[in-house]
C-alpha atoms as a PDB file:
ATOM      1  CA  UNK A   1      12.793 -33.333  43.885  1.00  0.00           C
ATOM      2  CA  UNK A   2      11.581 -35.557  40.789  1.00  0.00           C
ATOM      3  CA  UNK A   3       8.778 -34.170  38.629  1.00  0.00           C
ATOM      4  CA  UNK A   4       6.455 -37.036  39.650  1.00  0.00           C
ATOM      5  CA  UNK A   5       6.983 -36.642  43.291  1.00  0.00           C
ATOM      6  CA  UNK A   6       6.711 -32.620  42.791  1.00  0.00           C
ATOM      7  CA  UNK A   7       3.281 -33.326  41.094  1.00  0.00           C
ATOM      8  CA  UNK A   8       2.193 -35.642  43.890  1.00  0.00           C
ATOM      9  CA  UNK A   9       3.443 -32.962  46.619  1.00  0.00           C
ATOM     10  CA  UNK A  10       1.435 -30.162  44.873  1.00  0.00           C
ATOM     11  CA  UNK A  11      -1.652 -32.334  44.095  1.00  0.00           C
ATOM     12  CA  UNK A  12      -1.489 -33.285  40.703  1.00  0.00           C
ATOM     13  CA  UNK A  13       0.143 -33.942  37.274  1.00  0.00           C
ATOM     14  CA  UNK A  14       2.388 -31.309  35.958  1.00  0.00           C
ATOM     15  CA  UNK A  15      -0.266 -30.376  33.362  1.00  0.00           C
ATOM     16  CA  UNK A  16      -2.826 -30.298  36.105  1.00  0.00           C
ATOM     17  CA  UNK A  17      -0.759 -27.856  38.194  1.00  0.00           C
ATOM     18  CA  UNK A  18       0.046 -25.766  35.060  1.00  0.00           C
ATOM     19  CA  UNK A  19      -3.663 -25.767  33.901  1.00  0.00           C
ATOM     20  CA  UNK A  20      -4.589 -24.639  37.585  1.00  0.00           C
ATOM     21  CA  UNK A  21      -2.068 -21.838  37.734  1.00  0.00           C
ATOM     22  CA  UNK A  22      -2.989 -20.642  34.530  1.00  0.00           C
ATOM     23  CA  UNK A  23      -6.627 -20.433  35.755  1.00  0.00           C
ATOM     24  CA  UNK A  24      -5.773 -18.853  38.886  1.00  0.00           C
ATOM     25  CA  UNK A  25      -3.499 -16.108  37.018  1.00  0.00           C
ATOM     26  CA  UNK A  26      -6.546 -15.508  34.565  1.00  0.00           C
ATOM     27  CA  UNK A  27      -8.595 -14.411  37.506  1.00  0.00           C
ATOM     28  CA  UNK A  28      -9.048 -10.826  38.135  1.00  0.00           C
ATOM     29  CA  UNK A  29      -7.020  -9.910  41.381  1.00  0.00           C
ATOM     30  CA  UNK A  30      -9.101  -9.656  44.414  1.00  0.00           C
ATOM     31  CA  UNK A  31      -7.314  -6.408  45.198  1.00  0.00           C
ATOM     32  CA  UNK A  32      -9.409  -3.113  46.097  1.00  0.00           C
ATOM     33  CA  UNK A  33     -11.654  -1.931  43.348  1.00  0.00           C
ATOM     34  CA  UNK A  34     -10.223   1.420  41.695  1.00  0.00           C
ATOM     35  CA  UNK A  35     -13.750   2.956  42.700  1.00  0.00           C
ATOM     36  CA  UNK A  36     -12.584   2.144  46.173  1.00  0.00           C
ATOM     37  CA  UNK A  37      -9.621   4.503  45.958  1.00  0.00           C
ATOM     38  CA  UNK A  38      -9.087   8.175  45.819  1.00  0.00           C
ATOM     39  CA  UNK A  39      -6.051   9.921  43.904  1.00  0.00           C
ATOM     40  CA  UNK A  40      -5.311  12.934  46.287  1.00  0.00           C
ATOM     41  CA  UNK A  41      -3.138  16.048  45.458  1.00  0.00           C
ATOM     42  CA  UNK A  42      -1.227  16.988  48.479  1.00  0.00           C
ATOM     43  CA  UNK A  43      -0.169  20.573  49.323  1.00  0.00           C
ATOM     44  CA  UNK A  44       1.191  22.690  52.084  1.00  0.00           C
ATOM     45  CA  UNK A  45      -0.571  25.662  53.858  1.00  0.00           C
ATOM     46  CA  UNK A  46       1.813  26.967  56.456  1.00  0.00           C
ATOM     47  CA  UNK A  47       2.675  24.107  58.545  1.00  0.00           C
ATOM     48  CA  UNK A  48      -0.198  21.882  57.872  1.00  0.00           C
ATOM     49  CA  UNK A  49      -0.819  19.290  55.079  1.00  0.00           C
ATOM     50  CA  UNK A  50      -3.980  19.449  53.166  1.00  0.00           C
ATOM     51  CA  UNK A  51      -5.196  17.557  50.074  1.00  0.00           C
ATOM     52  CA  UNK A  52      -7.965  17.681  47.337  1.00  0.00           C
ATOM     53  CA  UNK A  53      -9.318  14.852  45.205  1.00  0.00           C
ATOM     54  CA  UNK A  54      -7.581  15.028  41.912  1.00  0.00           C
ATOM     55  CA  UNK A  55     -11.048  14.977  40.340  1.00  0.00           C
ATOM     56  CA  UNK A  56     -11.635  18.454  41.673  1.00  0.00           C
ATOM     57  CA  UNK A  57      -8.328  19.654  40.082  1.00  0.00           C
ATOM     58  CA  UNK A  58      -8.331  21.297  36.753  1.00  0.00           C
ATOM     59  CA  UNK A  59      -4.615  22.439  36.753  1.00  0.00           C
ATOM     60  CA  UNK A  60      -1.686  23.768  38.599  1.00  0.00           C
ATOM     61  CA  UNK A  61       0.313  26.819  37.613  1.00  0.00           C
ATOM     62  CA  UNK A  62       3.190  28.736  39.075  1.00  0.00           C
ATOM     63  CA  UNK A  63       3.275  32.068  36.900  1.00  0.00           C
ATOM     64  CA  UNK A  64       0.180  34.217  37.036  1.00  0.00           C
ATOM     65  CA  UNK A  65      -0.658  37.987  37.667  1.00  0.00           C
ATOM     66  CA  UNK A  66      -3.183  38.895  40.259  1.00  0.00           C
ATOM     67  CA  UNK A  67      -5.589  41.919  39.785  1.00  0.00           C
ATOM     68  CA  UNK A  68      -7.005  42.815  42.955  1.00  0.00           C
ATOM     69  CA  UNK A  69     -10.707  43.941  43.204  1.00  0.00           C
ATOM     70  CA  UNK A  70     -12.122  46.391  45.302  1.00  0.00           C
ATOM     71  CA  UNK A  71     -14.737  45.554  47.972  1.00  0.00           C
ATOM     72  CA  UNK A  72     -14.069  41.649  48.121  1.00  0.00           C
ATOM     73  CA  UNK A  73     -13.290  39.831  51.331  1.00  0.00           C
ATOM     74  CA  UNK A  74      -9.875  39.679  52.226  1.00  0.00           C
ATOM     75  CA  UNK A  75      -9.497  35.775  51.304  1.00  0.00           C
ATOM     76  CA  UNK A  76      -9.959  36.889  47.736  1.00  0.00           C
ATOM     77  CA  UNK A  77      -6.710  38.182  46.568  1.00  0.00           C
ATOM     78  CA  UNK A  78      -8.180  39.180  43.275  1.00  0.00           C
ATOM     79  CA  UNK A  79      -8.524  37.791  39.781  1.00  0.00           C
ATOM     80  CA  UNK A  80      -6.301  36.314  37.230  1.00  0.00           C
ATOM     81  CA  UNK A  81      -6.487  35.486  33.513  1.00  0.00           C
ATOM     82  CA  UNK A  82      -5.779  31.802  32.635  1.00  0.00           C
ATOM     83  CA  UNK A  83      -5.932  31.361  28.781  1.00  0.00           C
ATOM     84  CA  UNK A  84      -8.571  33.959  28.625  1.00  0.00           C
ATOM     85  CA  UNK A  85     -10.718  32.731  31.381  1.00  0.00           C
ATOM     86  CA  UNK A  86     -11.103  35.071  34.593  1.00  0.00           C
ATOM     87  CA  UNK A  87     -10.687  33.090  37.998  1.00  0.00           C
ATOM     88  CA  UNK A  88     -10.738  34.542  41.330  1.00  0.00           C
ATOM     89  CA  UNK A  89      -7.611  33.989  43.352  1.00  0.00           C
ATOM     90  CA  UNK A  90      -8.446  32.564  46.907  1.00  0.00           C
ATOM     91  CA  UNK A  91      -6.126  32.293  49.906  1.00  0.00           C
ATOM     92  CA  UNK A  92      -7.337  29.339  51.812  1.00  0.00           C
ATOM     93  CA  UNK A  93      -5.184  30.371  54.834  1.00  0.00           C
ATOM     94  CA  UNK A  94      -6.974  33.586  55.409  1.00  0.00           C
ATOM     95  CA  UNK A  95     -10.486  31.653  54.692  1.00  0.00           C
ATOM     96  CA  UNK A  96      -9.335  29.275  57.467  1.00  0.00           C
ATOM     97  CA  UNK A  97      -7.826  31.772  59.775  1.00  0.00           C
ATOM     98  CA  UNK A  98      -4.173  30.298  59.328  1.00  0.00           C
ATOM     99  CA  UNK A  99      -2.471  33.440  58.341  1.00  0.00           C
ATOM    100  CA  UNK A 100      -1.715  34.078  54.755  1.00  0.00           C
ATOM    101  CA  UNK A 101       0.196  32.307  52.042  1.00  0.00           C
ATOM    102  CA  UNK A 102       3.694  33.909  51.493  1.00  0.00           C
ATOM    103  CA  UNK A 103       5.768  32.453  48.719  1.00  0.00           C
ATOM    104  CA  UNK A 104       9.451  31.634  49.292  1.00  0.00           C
ATOM    105  CA  UNK A 105      11.545  34.717  49.101  1.00  0.00           C
ATOM    106  CA  UNK A 106       8.345  36.794  48.180  1.00  0.00           C
ATOM    107  CA  UNK A 107       8.182  34.660  45.082  1.00  0.00           C
ATOM    108  CA  UNK A 108       4.634  33.903  43.855  1.00  0.00           C
ATOM    109  CA  UNK A 109       3.110  30.886  45.551  1.00  0.00           C
ATOM    110  CA  UNK A 110       1.705  28.019  43.506  1.00  0.00           C
ATOM    111  CA  UNK A 111      -1.777  28.032  42.377  1.00  0.00           C
ATOM    112  CA  UNK A 112      -4.290  25.177  42.145  1.00  0.00           C
ATOM    113  CA  UNK A 113      -7.404  25.564  40.100  1.00  0.00           C
ATOM    114  CA  UNK A 114     -10.096  23.611  41.800  1.00  0.00           C
ATOM    115  CA  UNK A 115     -13.685  22.958  40.418  1.00  0.00           C
ATOM    116  CA  UNK A 116     -16.984  21.332  41.041  1.00  0.00           C
ATOM    117  CA  UNK A 117     -17.894  21.567  37.490  1.00  0.00           C
ATOM    118  CA  UNK A 118     -19.923  24.954  38.111  1.00  0.00           C
ATOM    119  CA  UNK A 119     -17.572  27.178  39.895  1.00  0.00           C
ATOM    120  CA  UNK A 120     -13.796  27.353  39.712  1.00  0.00           C
ATOM    121  CA  UNK A 121     -11.175  29.311  41.674  1.00  0.00           C
ATOM    122  CA  UNK A 122      -7.364  29.482  41.948  1.00  0.00           C
ATOM    123  CA  UNK A 123      -6.298  28.567  45.484  1.00  0.00           C
ATOM    124  CA  UNK A 124      -2.784  29.753  46.469  1.00  0.00           C
ATOM    125  CA  UNK A 125      -0.764  27.265  48.553  1.00  0.00           C
ATOM    126  CA  UNK A 126       2.585  27.315  50.158  1.00  0.00           C
ATOM    127  CA  UNK A 127       3.896  24.221  48.501  1.00  0.00           C
ATOM    128  CA  UNK A 128       2.568  21.628  45.979  1.00  0.00           C
ATOM    129  CA  UNK A 129       3.174  17.919  47.037  1.00  0.00           C
ATOM    130  CA  UNK A 130       2.666  14.537  45.468  1.00  0.00           C
ATOM    131  CA  UNK A 131      -0.380  12.843  44.098  1.00  0.00           C
ATOM    132  CA  UNK A 132      -0.956   9.742  46.341  1.00  0.00           C
ATOM    133  CA  UNK A 133      -3.610   7.003  46.076  1.00  0.00           C
ATOM    134  CA  UNK A 134      -5.569   6.316  49.137  1.00  0.00           C
ATOM    135  CA  UNK A 135      -8.316   3.957  50.117  1.00  0.00           C
ATOM    136  CA  UNK A 136     -11.831   5.702  50.556  1.00  0.00           C
ATOM    137  CA  UNK A 137     -12.084   3.817  53.929  1.00  0.00           C
ATOM    138  CA  UNK A 138      -8.812   5.772  55.184  1.00  0.00           C
ATOM    139  CA  UNK A 139     -10.908   9.045  55.104  1.00  0.00           C
ATOM    140  CA  UNK A 140     -12.050  10.005  58.645  1.00  0.00           C
ATOM    141  CA  UNK A 141     -14.112  12.892  59.902  1.00  0.00           C
ATOM    142  CA  UNK A 142     -12.333  16.047  60.555  1.00  0.00           C
ATOM    143  CA  UNK A 143     -10.064  15.938  63.734  1.00  0.00           C
ATOM    144  CA  UNK A 144     -12.018  17.500  66.524  1.00  0.00           C
ATOM    145  CA  UNK A 145      -9.007  19.701  67.761  1.00  0.00           C
ATOM    146  CA  UNK A 146      -9.022  21.953  64.743  1.00  0.00           C
ATOM    147  CA  UNK A 147     -10.517  25.262  65.078  1.00  0.00           C
ATOM    148  CA  UNK A 148     -13.994  26.119  64.345  1.00  0.00           C
ATOM    149  CA  UNK A 149     -12.888  28.569  61.557  1.00  0.00           C
ATOM    150  CA  UNK A 150     -11.166  25.652  59.841  1.00  0.00           C
ATOM    151  CA  UNK A 151     -13.639  22.731  60.484  1.00  0.00           C
ATOM    152  CA  UNK A 152     -16.097  24.260  57.892  1.00  0.00           C
ATOM    153  CA  UNK A 153     -13.398  24.042  55.164  1.00  0.00           C
ATOM    154  CA  UNK A 154     -12.102  20.633  56.079  1.00  0.00           C
ATOM    155  CA  UNK A 155     -14.219  17.732  54.796  1.00  0.00           C
ATOM    156  CA  UNK A 156     -12.255  14.997  56.623  1.00  0.00           C
ATOM    157  CA  UNK A 157      -8.589  13.776  57.523  1.00  0.00           C
ATOM    158  CA  UNK A 158      -6.479  10.911  56.637  1.00  0.00           C
ATOM    159  CA  UNK A 159      -3.115   9.695  57.669  1.00  0.00           C
ATOM    160  CA  UNK A 160      -0.649   9.391  54.706  1.00  0.00           C
ATOM    161  CA  UNK A 161       2.890   8.194  55.323  1.00  0.00           C
ATOM    162  CA  UNK A 162       2.336   8.879  59.213  1.00  0.00           C
ATOM    163  CA  UNK A 163       1.179  12.111  58.986  1.00  0.00           C
ATOM    164  CA  UNK A 164      -2.255  13.700  59.276  1.00  0.00           C
ATOM    165  CA  UNK A 165      -3.581  15.455  56.233  1.00  0.00           C
ATOM    166  CA  UNK A 166      -6.632  17.474  56.088  1.00  0.00           C
ATOM    167  CA  UNK A 167      -9.009  17.180  53.228  1.00  0.00           C
ATOM    168  CA  UNK A 168     -10.250  20.377  51.731  1.00  0.00           C
ATOM    169  CA  UNK A 169     -13.948  20.734  51.337  1.00  0.00           C
ATOM    170  CA  UNK A 170     -14.054  22.160  47.809  1.00  0.00           C
ATOM    171  CA  UNK A 171     -17.770  22.449  47.972  1.00  0.00           C
ATOM    172  CA  UNK A 172     -17.307  25.039  50.915  1.00  0.00           C
ATOM    173  CA  UNK A 173     -14.418  26.719  49.323  1.00  0.00           C
ATOM    174  CA  UNK A 174     -16.247  27.168  46.030  1.00  0.00           C
ATOM    175  CA  UNK A 175     -19.300  28.606  47.832  1.00  0.00           C
ATOM    176  CA  UNK A 176     -20.268  32.216  46.217  1.00  0.00           C
ATOM    177  CA  UNK A 177     -19.042  35.095  48.276  1.00  0.00           C
ATOM    178  CA  UNK A 178     -21.943  36.573  49.862  1.00  0.00           C
ATOM    179  CA  UNK A 179     -23.879  33.400  50.599  1.00  0.00           C
ATOM    180  CA  UNK A 180     -25.093  32.799  53.915  1.00  0.00           C
ATOM    181  CA  UNK A 181     -22.414  30.354  55.021  1.00  0.00           C
ATOM    182  CA  UNK A 182     -19.289  32.669  54.307  1.00  0.00           C
ATOM    183  CA  UNK A 183     -18.232  35.050  56.927  1.00  0.00           C
END
């Protein structure tokens, strides 16, 4: 096809076509805005997949020492010292009546420090997964089939790679022990 024939077919001279193409490339993409997306850290508790918003995660660590505390609920495993800061260590499996976290071959379970800006705790999990980007519109209400003991700790659910993933209710997990909502 000659340049003139191509220009006629495409609706203009080569210069006009190039200018139109340059103008279209200079425009902002019409894709979803970053504010419409969530970065979620995936992790496993037992056989179930859960996630938390990366904005609520301060750090992940594998090696730590837990000092148990008397007179605390069973889901508070104790406290740990992370670079001079004393943090509670919470087992979300106990909190949600899913059993308890046990590391592979009795190895220490990984911990994710979650925070709401005022309160922080290290939650132990069976396995840390990937960080995935999802559309906010993919977040659905918690699945109705989950146990009532779990539903208060799950803010929603989403499908990631064809699997149902619960979204941990960080505010509820961080609620102070002894508040009227904790059992």
